[in-house]
Amino acid sequence: MMGSSAVLLRSVLLLLLASFLPLPADGAERPLQADHIVVLKSERRLMLLHEGVVLKSFWIALGRHPEGIKTAAGDGRTPEGIYRIDARNRDSYYHRALHISYPNDADRKRAWRLGVDPGGNIRIHGVPPGFGPTGPGERMFDWTDGCIAVTNADMDEIWARVPLGTTVEIRP
């Protein structure tokens, strides 16, 4: 059994290695697939993990009112909780999109208690045509209606590594 320092070292080494590897062209062998996505809203960071090891980390933009739990459609907040990637849209207006299974049961119950529509259509996506930044690892301001946005270059890599059914954990 590996100690925590060995696991941390392994994670750092894999992260460094992954950052230097180019993505294969379509039809080529795919990079190691993520089995878990962690979004840290307060850090504006999305991490792809495989068996608990961070494969890659990306800067993100959130809803225009990023603090707090999403409670209603149109509130500009990004949800918090456990979800899954339940659809993929290669032809999205926002340069590819991975749909998140929001709202979950807890979200629906909260909205019902508040007498509001919880909303939906929360996605991880790139940026629309003519909107920047578009390069890998560039930071953006919070501009979405509650989605998680990354640059188009980052979305290409996320798209290649995230299959349907991947767990998405969104933390404050």
Protein backbone atom coordinates (compact mmCIF):
# COMPACT_ATOMS: atom_id res chain seq x y z
CA MET A 1 0.00 0.00 0.00
CA MET A 2 1.38 3.41 -0.95
CA GLY A 3 1.70 6.15 1.65
CA SER A 4 0.08 9.54 1.16
CA SER A 5 3.37 11.16 0.11
CA ALA A 6 3.90 8.47 -2.55
CA VAL A 7 0.36 9.00 -3.87
CA LEU A 8 0.94 12.76 -3.96
CA LEU A 9 4.24 12.31 -5.80
CA ARG A 10 2.59 9.96 -8.30
CA SER A 11 -0.19 12.52 -8.88
CA VAL A 12 2.30 15.33 -9.44
CA LEU A 13 4.37 13.24 -11.85
CA LEU A 14 1.30 12.18 -13.86
CA LEU A 15 0.08 15.78 -13.98
CA LEU A 16 3.47 16.99 -15.24
CA LEU A 17 3.69 14.21 -17.80
CA ALA A 18 0.15 14.81 -19.05
CA SER A 19 0.80 18.51 -19.54
CA PHE A 20 3.59 17.75 -22.03
CA LEU A 21 1.80 15.10 -24.07
CA PRO A 22 0.01 16.24 -27.23
CA LEU A 23 -3.53 15.10 -27.88
CA PRO A 24 -3.89 12.47 -30.60
CA ALA A 25 -5.79 13.28 -33.81
CA ASP A 26 -9.36 11.97 -34.11
CA GLY A 27 -9.37 8.25 -34.65
CA ALA A 28 -6.05 7.78 -32.86
CA GLU A 29 -5.63 6.14 -29.47
CA ARG A 30 -7.30 8.23 -26.74
CA PRO A 31 -5.48 9.52 -23.66
CA LEU A 32 -6.16 8.03 -20.24
CA GLN A 33 -9.86 8.54 -19.49
CA ALA A 34 -11.09 10.42 -16.44
CA ASP A 35 -13.42 8.56 -14.09
CA HIS A 36 -14.15 11.58 -11.88
CA ILE A 37 -14.30 15.34 -12.32
CA VAL A 38 -13.87 17.68 -9.35
CA VAL A 39 -14.82 21.34 -9.70
CA LEU A 40 -13.56 23.71 -7.00
CA LYS A 41 -15.68 26.81 -7.51
CA SER A 42 -13.75 29.00 -5.05
CA GLU A 43 -10.48 28.20 -6.85
CA ARG A 44 -11.99 28.38 -10.37
CA ARG A 45 -10.48 24.99 -11.10
CA LEU A 46 -11.69 21.80 -12.78
CA MET A 47 -9.66 18.63 -12.23
CA LEU A 48 -9.84 15.40 -14.21
CA LEU A 49 -9.04 12.34 -12.10
CA HIS A 50 -8.42 8.68 -12.79
CA GLU A 51 -8.55 6.30 -9.82
CA GLY A 52 -8.02 9.25 -7.46
CA VAL A 53 -4.99 10.63 -9.31
CA VAL A 54 -5.22 14.08 -10.91
CA LEU A 55 -4.64 13.78 -14.65
CA LYS A 56 -4.96 17.47 -15.45
CA SER A 57 -6.27 20.70 -13.99
CA PHE A 58 -7.95 23.57 -15.88
CA TRP A 59 -8.91 27.19 -15.14
CA ILE A 60 -12.67 27.72 -15.38
CA ALA A 61 -15.30 30.43 -15.53
CA LEU A 62 -18.57 29.99 -13.65
CA GLY A 63 -22.00 31.57 -13.48
CA ARG A 64 -22.06 35.34 -13.14
CA HIS A 65 -23.05 34.94 -9.44
CA PRO A 66 -20.63 32.14 -8.51
CA GLU A 67 -20.99 32.07 -4.72
CA GLY A 68 -23.67 29.90 -3.17
CA ILE A 69 -25.80 26.99 -4.28
CA LYS A 70 -27.89 27.20 -7.44
CA THR A 71 -31.53 27.32 -6.38
CA ALA A 72 -33.49 28.58 -9.37
CA ALA A 73 -33.40 28.95 -13.12
CA GLY A 74 -31.79 32.23 -14.10
CA ASP A 75 -30.02 32.88 -10.76
CA GLY A 76 -26.59 32.89 -12.46
CA ARG A 77 -25.18 30.34 -10.01
CA THR A 78 -23.29 27.14 -10.72
CA PRO A 79 -24.73 24.16 -8.82
CA GLU A 80 -22.96 22.28 -6.04
CA GLY A 81 -23.30 18.54 -5.52
CA ILE A 82 -22.71 15.17 -7.15
CA TYR A 83 -23.78 14.71 -10.77
CA ARG A 84 -22.86 12.73 -13.90
CA ILE A 85 -22.01 13.55 -17.49
CA ASP A 86 -25.21 12.41 -19.19
CA ALA A 87 -24.84 13.78 -22.75
CA ARG A 88 -22.19 15.03 -25.18
CA ASN A 89 -22.76 17.69 -27.86
CA ARG A 90 -19.93 17.98 -30.38
CA ASP A 91 -21.78 20.70 -32.33
CA SER A 92 -22.61 22.98 -29.39
CA TYR A 93 -22.61 26.73 -29.99
CA TYR A 94 -20.14 26.90 -27.07
CA HIS A 95 -17.45 24.73 -28.75
CA ARG A 96 -18.48 21.30 -27.53
CA ALA A 97 -20.47 20.63 -24.42
CA LEU A 98 -20.70 17.93 -21.76
CA HIS A 99 -24.14 18.01 -20.13
CA ILE A 100 -24.27 17.64 -16.34
CA SER A 101 -27.20 15.78 -14.76
CA TYR A 102 -28.37 18.84 -12.77
CA PRO A 103 -30.85 18.97 -11.06
CA ASN A 104 -30.41 15.93 -8.81
CA ASP A 105 -33.02 14.86 -6.20
CA ALA A 106 -31.68 17.25 -3.55
CA ASP A 107 -31.77 20.16 -6.03
CA ARG A 108 -35.38 19.37 -7.01
CA LYS A 109 -36.49 19.10 -3.37
CA ARG A 110 -34.82 22.42 -2.49
CA ALA A 111 -36.48 24.14 -5.44
CA TRP A 112 -39.88 22.63 -4.55
CA ARG A 113 -39.56 23.90 -0.95
CA LEU A 114 -38.72 27.36 -2.29
CA GLY A 115 -41.49 27.24 -4.88
CA VAL A 116 -39.10 27.81 -7.81
CA ASP A 117 -38.00 26.07 -10.99
CA PRO A 118 -34.50 24.59 -10.36
CA GLY A 119 -33.44 25.19 -13.95
CA GLY A 120 -31.26 22.82 -15.90
CA ASN A 121 -29.07 22.52 -18.98
CA ILE A 122 -25.86 22.93 -16.95
CA ARG A 123 -22.82 22.01 -19.03
CA ILE A 124 -19.05 22.04 -19.17
CA HIS A 125 -18.29 23.85 -22.42
CA GLY A 126 -15.90 26.02 -24.40
CA VAL A 127 -16.48 29.59 -25.49
CA PRO A 128 -18.72 30.86 -28.30
CA PRO A 129 -17.35 32.12 -31.62
CA GLY A 130 -15.56 35.45 -31.26
CA PHE A 131 -15.35 35.24 -27.47
CA GLY A 132 -11.95 34.93 -25.80
CA PRO A 133 -9.71 33.75 -24.39
CA THR A 134 -9.37 30.60 -26.44
CA GLY A 135 -5.85 29.34 -25.67
CA PRO A 136 -4.96 26.56 -23.25
CA GLY A 137 -4.87 27.50 -19.58
CA GLU A 138 -6.02 31.10 -20.01
CA ARG A 139 -8.17 32.54 -17.22
CA MET A 140 -11.60 33.97 -17.86
CA PHE A 141 -14.07 36.07 -15.91
CA ASP A 142 -17.34 34.51 -14.65
CA TRP A 143 -19.81 34.97 -17.49
CA THR A 144 -22.08 31.91 -17.82
CA ASP A 145 -25.68 31.44 -16.67
CA GLY A 146 -24.45 28.66 -14.35
CA CYS A 147 -22.37 26.46 -16.62
CA ILE A 148 -18.67 25.69 -16.26
CA ALA A 149 -16.69 27.23 -19.13
CA VAL A 150 -13.13 26.55 -20.24
CA THR A 151 -11.11 27.73 -23.23
CA ASN A 152 -11.72 25.91 -26.49
CA ALA A 153 -8.27 24.32 -26.41
CA ASP A 154 -8.93 23.04 -22.88
CA MET A 155 -12.39 21.80 -23.93
CA ASP A 156 -10.81 19.74 -26.70
CA GLU A 157 -8.69 17.93 -24.13
CA ILE A 158 -11.55 17.51 -21.65
CA TRP A 159 -13.75 16.18 -24.48
CA ALA A 160 -11.11 13.55 -25.35
CA ARG A 161 -10.77 12.38 -21.73
CA VAL A 162 -14.34 12.40 -20.35
CA PRO A 163 -16.75 9.60 -21.29
CA LEU A 164 -20.49 9.50 -20.66
CA GLY A 165 -21.34 8.56 -17.09
CA THR A 166 -18.30 10.26 -15.52
CA THR A 167 -19.04 11.50 -12.00
CA VAL A 168 -18.91 15.27 -11.55
CA GLU A 169 -18.41 16.63 -8.03
CA ILE A 170 -18.94 20.39 -7.76
CA ARG A 171 -17.67 21.87 -4.49
CA PRO A 172 -17.97 25.43 -3.12
